[in-house]
Amino acid sequence: MKGYLVLDLAIKNLEEFLEYAERIPAQIEKHKGKYIVKGVVPEKIEGNWLPERLVVLEFASEKNAKEFLEDTESKKLFKLRHSSTKSNLIYAVGCE
């Protein structure tokens, strides 16, 4: 089954975030991932959740998604994201 990551974020430091945004796509691709939604401003339909920006990543398999999350270079980039944004990240398994 495919693995999905959903990231909601608000940018606090644009310069640092741009470095992250430039470098993370290679890590995603390395682990057989791709953008489904890339940094869009979402439209709230119902409820209280309203991210400033939304990213959805799809990985070829659960294994690929977990390897992306555990990769040393990914973790370095996550630290850069943490320092440049206020963000939330969730993982979900797709259905077949």
N, C-alpha and C. Protein backbone atom coordinates (compact mmCIF):
# COMPACT_ATOMS: atom_id res chain seq x y z
N MET A 1 0.83 -1.18 0.00
CA MET A 1 0.00 0.00 0.00
C MET A 1 0.88 1.25 0.00
N LYS A 2 0.32 2.32 -0.51
CA LYS A 2 1.05 3.59 -0.57
C LYS A 2 1.04 4.25 0.80
N GLY A 3 2.06 5.07 1.02
CA GLY A 3 2.16 5.87 2.24
C GLY A 3 1.97 7.33 1.90
N TYR A 4 1.28 8.06 2.78
CA TYR A 4 1.01 9.48 2.56
C TYR A 4 1.46 10.30 3.76
N LEU A 5 2.03 11.45 3.46
CA LEU A 5 2.36 12.43 4.49
C LEU A 5 1.57 13.69 4.19
N VAL A 6 0.97 14.23 5.24
CA VAL A 6 0.21 15.48 5.12
C VAL A 6 0.87 16.48 6.06
N LEU A 7 1.27 17.60 5.49
CA LEU A 7 1.97 18.64 6.24
C LEU A 7 1.17 19.92 6.17
N ASP A 8 0.91 20.49 7.33
CA ASP A 8 0.33 21.84 7.34
C ASP A 8 1.38 22.75 7.96
N LEU A 9 1.56 23.91 7.36
CA LEU A 9 2.63 24.77 7.84
C LEU A 9 2.33 26.25 7.66
N ALA A 10 2.95 27.01 8.55
CA ALA A 10 2.95 28.47 8.48
C ALA A 10 4.41 28.90 8.50
N ILE A 11 4.82 29.66 7.53
CA ILE A 11 6.22 30.06 7.38
C ILE A 11 6.53 31.19 8.36
N LYS A 12 7.61 31.00 9.15
CA LYS A 12 8.07 32.01 10.10
C LYS A 12 9.32 32.74 9.58
N ASN A 13 10.19 32.01 8.86
CA ASN A 13 11.43 32.58 8.36
C ASN A 13 11.55 32.17 6.89
N LEU A 14 11.22 33.08 6.00
CA LEU A 14 11.15 32.76 4.58
C LEU A 14 12.50 32.34 4.02
N GLU A 15 13.57 33.00 4.39
CA GLU A 15 14.89 32.66 3.85
C GLU A 15 15.28 31.22 4.18
N GLU A 16 15.12 30.83 5.43
CA GLU A 16 15.42 29.44 5.83
C GLU A 16 14.47 28.47 5.15
N PHE A 17 13.21 28.84 5.08
CA PHE A 17 12.24 27.94 4.46
C PHE A 17 12.56 27.71 2.99
N LEU A 18 12.99 28.73 2.29
CA LEU A 18 13.32 28.57 0.87
C LEU A 18 14.47 27.59 0.67
N GLU A 19 15.42 27.57 1.61
CA GLU A 19 16.50 26.57 1.54
C GLU A 19 15.91 25.16 1.68
N TYR A 20 15.03 24.98 2.65
CA TYR A 20 14.35 23.70 2.83
C TYR A 20 13.58 23.32 1.57
N ALA A 21 12.80 24.25 1.04
CA ALA A 21 11.96 24.00 -0.13
C ALA A 21 12.79 23.64 -1.36
N GLU A 22 14.00 24.17 -1.43
CA GLU A 22 14.88 23.86 -2.56
C GLU A 22 15.48 22.46 -2.45
N ARG A 23 15.76 22.03 -1.22
CA ARG A 23 16.48 20.77 -1.02
C ARG A 23 15.59 19.55 -0.80
N ILE A 24 14.38 19.72 -0.27
CA ILE A 24 13.55 18.57 0.10
C ILE A 24 13.04 17.77 -1.09
N PRO A 25 12.77 18.36 -2.26
CA PRO A 25 12.25 17.55 -3.37
C PRO A 25 13.17 16.39 -3.77
N ALA A 26 14.47 16.57 -3.71
CA ALA A 26 15.40 15.49 -4.05
C ALA A 26 15.26 14.33 -3.06
N GLN A 27 15.03 14.65 -1.80
CA GLN A 27 14.85 13.60 -0.79
C GLN A 27 13.54 12.85 -1.03
N ILE A 28 12.51 13.58 -1.36
CA ILE A 28 11.21 12.96 -1.64
C ILE A 28 11.35 12.01 -2.83
N GLU A 29 11.97 12.49 -3.89
CA GLU A 29 12.15 11.67 -5.09
C GLU A 29 13.04 10.46 -4.81
N LYS A 30 14.08 10.65 -4.01
CA LYS A 30 14.99 9.56 -3.65
C LYS A 30 14.23 8.37 -3.05
N HIS A 31 13.15 8.67 -2.34
CA HIS A 31 12.38 7.63 -1.64
C HIS A 31 11.07 7.30 -2.36
N LYS A 32 11.06 7.55 -3.68
CA LYS A 32 9.92 7.20 -4.53
C LYS A 32 8.63 7.91 -4.10
N GLY A 33 8.80 9.18 -3.72
CA GLY A 33 7.66 9.99 -3.35
C GLY A 33 7.40 11.06 -4.39
N LYS A 34 6.20 11.63 -4.31
CA LYS A 34 5.86 12.73 -5.20
C LYS A 34 4.84 13.63 -4.51
N TYR A 35 4.83 14.87 -4.96
CA TYR A 35 3.84 15.82 -4.46
C TYR A 35 2.48 15.53 -5.07
N ILE A 36 1.45 15.49 -4.23
CA ILE A 36 0.06 15.44 -4.67
C ILE A 36 -0.52 16.85 -4.54
N VAL A 37 -0.17 17.52 -3.45
CA VAL A 37 -0.54 18.91 -3.19
C VAL A 37 0.75 19.59 -2.73
N LYS A 38 1.05 20.76 -3.31
CA LYS A 38 2.34 21.40 -3.02
C LYS A 38 2.17 22.84 -2.55
N GLY A 39 2.05 23.01 -1.25
CA GLY A 39 2.08 24.33 -0.64
C GLY A 39 0.93 25.25 -0.98
N VAL A 40 -0.24 24.69 -1.22
CA VAL A 40 -1.40 25.51 -1.57
C VAL A 40 -2.06 26.08 -0.32
N VAL A 41 -2.81 27.14 -0.52
CA VAL A 41 -3.66 27.68 0.54
C VAL A 41 -4.99 26.93 0.43
N PRO A 42 -5.33 26.13 1.45
CA PRO A 42 -6.55 25.31 1.35
C PRO A 42 -7.81 26.13 1.61
N GLU A 43 -8.91 25.61 1.14
CA GLU A 43 -10.22 26.21 1.39
C GLU A 43 -10.93 25.40 2.46
N LYS A 44 -11.29 26.07 3.55
CA LYS A 44 -11.99 25.38 4.64
C LYS A 44 -13.44 25.12 4.22
N ILE A 45 -13.87 23.89 4.37
CA ILE A 45 -15.24 23.50 4.07
C ILE A 45 -16.05 23.38 5.36
N GLU A 46 -15.46 22.72 6.36
CA GLU A 46 -16.13 22.60 7.66
C GLU A 46 -15.10 22.34 8.72
N GLY A 47 -15.46 22.53 9.97
CA GLY A 47 -14.56 22.28 11.08
C GLY A 47 -13.67 23.48 11.38
N ASN A 48 -12.69 23.26 12.26
CA ASN A 48 -11.81 24.32 12.74
C ASN A 48 -10.41 24.31 12.15
N TRP A 49 -10.06 23.25 11.44
CA TRP A 49 -8.70 23.12 10.93
C TRP A 49 -8.54 23.96 9.68
N LEU A 50 -7.56 24.89 9.69
CA LEU A 50 -7.30 25.70 8.51
C LEU A 50 -5.80 25.99 8.42
N PRO A 51 -5.05 25.09 7.80
CA PRO A 51 -3.63 25.34 7.62
C PRO A 51 -3.40 26.58 6.75
N GLU A 52 -2.30 27.26 7.01
CA GLU A 52 -1.92 28.39 6.15
C GLU A 52 -1.48 27.87 4.79
N ARG A 53 -0.72 26.78 4.80
CA ARG A 53 -0.27 26.10 3.58
C ARG A 53 -0.42 24.60 3.81
N LEU A 54 -0.67 23.86 2.73
CA LEU A 54 -0.87 22.41 2.84
C LEU A 54 -0.03 21.69 1.80
N VAL A 55 0.62 20.62 2.23
CA VAL A 55 1.41 19.76 1.35
C VAL A 55 0.96 18.32 1.58
N VAL A 56 0.76 17.57 0.50
CA VAL A 56 0.44 16.15 0.60
C VAL A 56 1.45 15.41 -0.28
N LEU A 57 2.12 14.44 0.31
CA LEU A 57 3.10 13.61 -0.40
C LEU A 57 2.59 12.19 -0.50
N GLU A 58 2.82 11.57 -1.65
CA GLU A 58 2.46 10.17 -1.85
C GLU A 58 3.74 9.39 -2.12
N PHE A 59 3.93 8.29 -1.41
CA PHE A 59 5.09 7.42 -1.60
C PHE A 59 4.62 6.09 -2.18
N ALA A 60 5.46 5.49 -2.99
CA ALA A 60 5.12 4.25 -3.68
C ALA A 60 4.69 3.15 -2.72
N SER A 61 5.24 3.17 -1.50
CA SER A 61 4.89 2.15 -0.51
C SER A 61 5.04 2.73 0.90
N GLU A 62 4.47 2.02 1.85
CA GLU A 62 4.65 2.39 3.25
C GLU A 62 6.13 2.40 3.60
N LYS A 63 6.84 1.40 3.10
CA LYS A 63 8.28 1.28 3.37
C LYS A 63 9.03 2.51 2.87
N ASN A 64 8.71 2.97 1.66
CA ASN A 64 9.37 4.15 1.13
C ASN A 64 9.11 5.38 2.01
N ALA A 65 7.88 5.54 2.45
CA ALA A 65 7.53 6.68 3.30
C ALA A 65 8.30 6.63 4.61
N LYS A 66 8.35 5.47 5.23
CA LYS A 66 9.06 5.33 6.50
C LYS A 66 10.57 5.55 6.32
N GLU A 67 11.12 5.07 5.21
CA GLU A 67 12.54 5.29 4.93
C GLU A 67 12.82 6.78 4.73
N PHE A 68 11.93 7.50 4.08
CA PHE A 68 12.06 8.94 3.92
C PHE A 68 12.10 9.61 5.29
N LEU A 69 11.20 9.22 6.18
CA LEU A 69 11.13 9.82 7.51
C LEU A 69 12.37 9.52 8.35
N GLU A 70 12.99 8.36 8.13
CA GLU A 70 14.15 7.95 8.93
C GLU A 70 15.49 8.32 8.30
N ASP A 71 15.50 8.76 7.07
CA ASP A 71 16.73 9.11 6.36
C ASP A 71 17.45 10.26 7.08
N THR A 72 18.75 10.11 7.27
CA THR A 72 19.56 11.12 7.99
C THR A 72 19.47 12.48 7.32
N GLU A 73 19.55 12.53 6.01
CA GLU A 73 19.46 13.82 5.31
C GLU A 73 18.07 14.42 5.45
N SER A 74 17.03 13.58 5.40
CA SER A 74 15.67 14.08 5.62
C SER A 74 15.55 14.71 7.00
N LYS A 75 16.09 14.04 8.01
CA LYS A 75 16.01 14.56 9.38
C LYS A 75 16.70 15.90 9.51
N LYS A 76 17.83 16.09 8.81
CA LYS A 76 18.51 17.39 8.81
C LYS A 76 17.60 18.46 8.21
N LEU A 77 16.94 18.11 7.12
CA LEU A 77 16.05 19.06 6.48
C LEU A 77 14.81 19.33 7.33
N PHE A 78 14.33 18.32 8.04
CA PHE A 78 13.19 18.53 8.94
C PHE A 78 13.54 19.55 10.02
N LYS A 79 14.78 19.51 10.52
CA LYS A 79 15.20 20.50 11.52
C LYS A 79 15.14 21.91 10.95
N LEU A 80 15.54 22.04 9.68
CA LEU A 80 15.46 23.33 9.01
C LEU A 80 14.00 23.77 8.87
N ARG A 81 13.12 22.83 8.53
CA ARG A 81 11.69 23.15 8.46
C ARG A 81 11.15 23.56 9.82
N HIS A 82 11.56 22.84 10.86
CA HIS A 82 11.09 23.15 12.21
C HIS A 82 11.49 24.56 12.64
N SER A 83 12.70 24.97 12.27
CA SER A 83 13.17 26.30 12.67
C SER A 83 12.58 27.41 11.81
N SER A 84 12.08 27.09 10.64
CA SER A 84 11.59 28.14 9.73
C SER A 84 10.06 28.18 9.61
N THR A 85 9.38 27.21 10.22
CA THR A 85 7.92 27.17 10.12
C THR A 85 7.31 26.73 11.45
N LYS A 86 6.03 26.92 11.56
CA LYS A 86 5.22 26.24 12.57
C LYS A 86 4.49 25.18 11.75
N SER A 87 4.71 23.91 12.07
CA SER A 87 4.16 22.87 11.19
C SER A 87 3.67 21.66 11.96
N ASN A 88 2.78 20.93 11.30
CA ASN A 88 2.26 19.66 11.78
C ASN A 88 2.38 18.66 10.64
N LEU A 89 2.77 17.44 10.97
CA LEU A 89 2.95 16.39 9.96
C LEU A 89 2.26 15.13 10.44
N ILE A 90 1.46 14.54 9.55
CA ILE A 90 0.83 13.27 9.88
C ILE A 90 1.12 12.26 8.77
N TYR A 91 1.07 10.99 9.14
CA TYR A 91 1.30 9.87 8.21
C TYR A 91 0.04 9.04 8.12
N ALA A 92 -0.28 8.59 6.93
CA ALA A 92 -1.43 7.72 6.75
C ALA A 92 -1.13 6.69 5.66
N VAL A 93 -1.69 5.51 5.81
CA VAL A 93 -1.56 4.44 4.81
C VAL A 93 -2.74 4.55 3.87
N GLY A 94 -2.47 4.45 2.58
CA GLY A 94 -3.53 4.50 1.57
C GLY A 94 -4.30 3.20 1.51
N CYS A 95 -5.40 3.25 0.82
CA CYS A 95 -6.19 2.04 0.61
C CYS A 95 -6.03 1.56 -0.83
N GLU A 96 -6.21 0.30 -1.02
CA GLU A 96 -6.02 -0.26 -2.35
C GLU A 96 -7.35 -0.73 -2.91
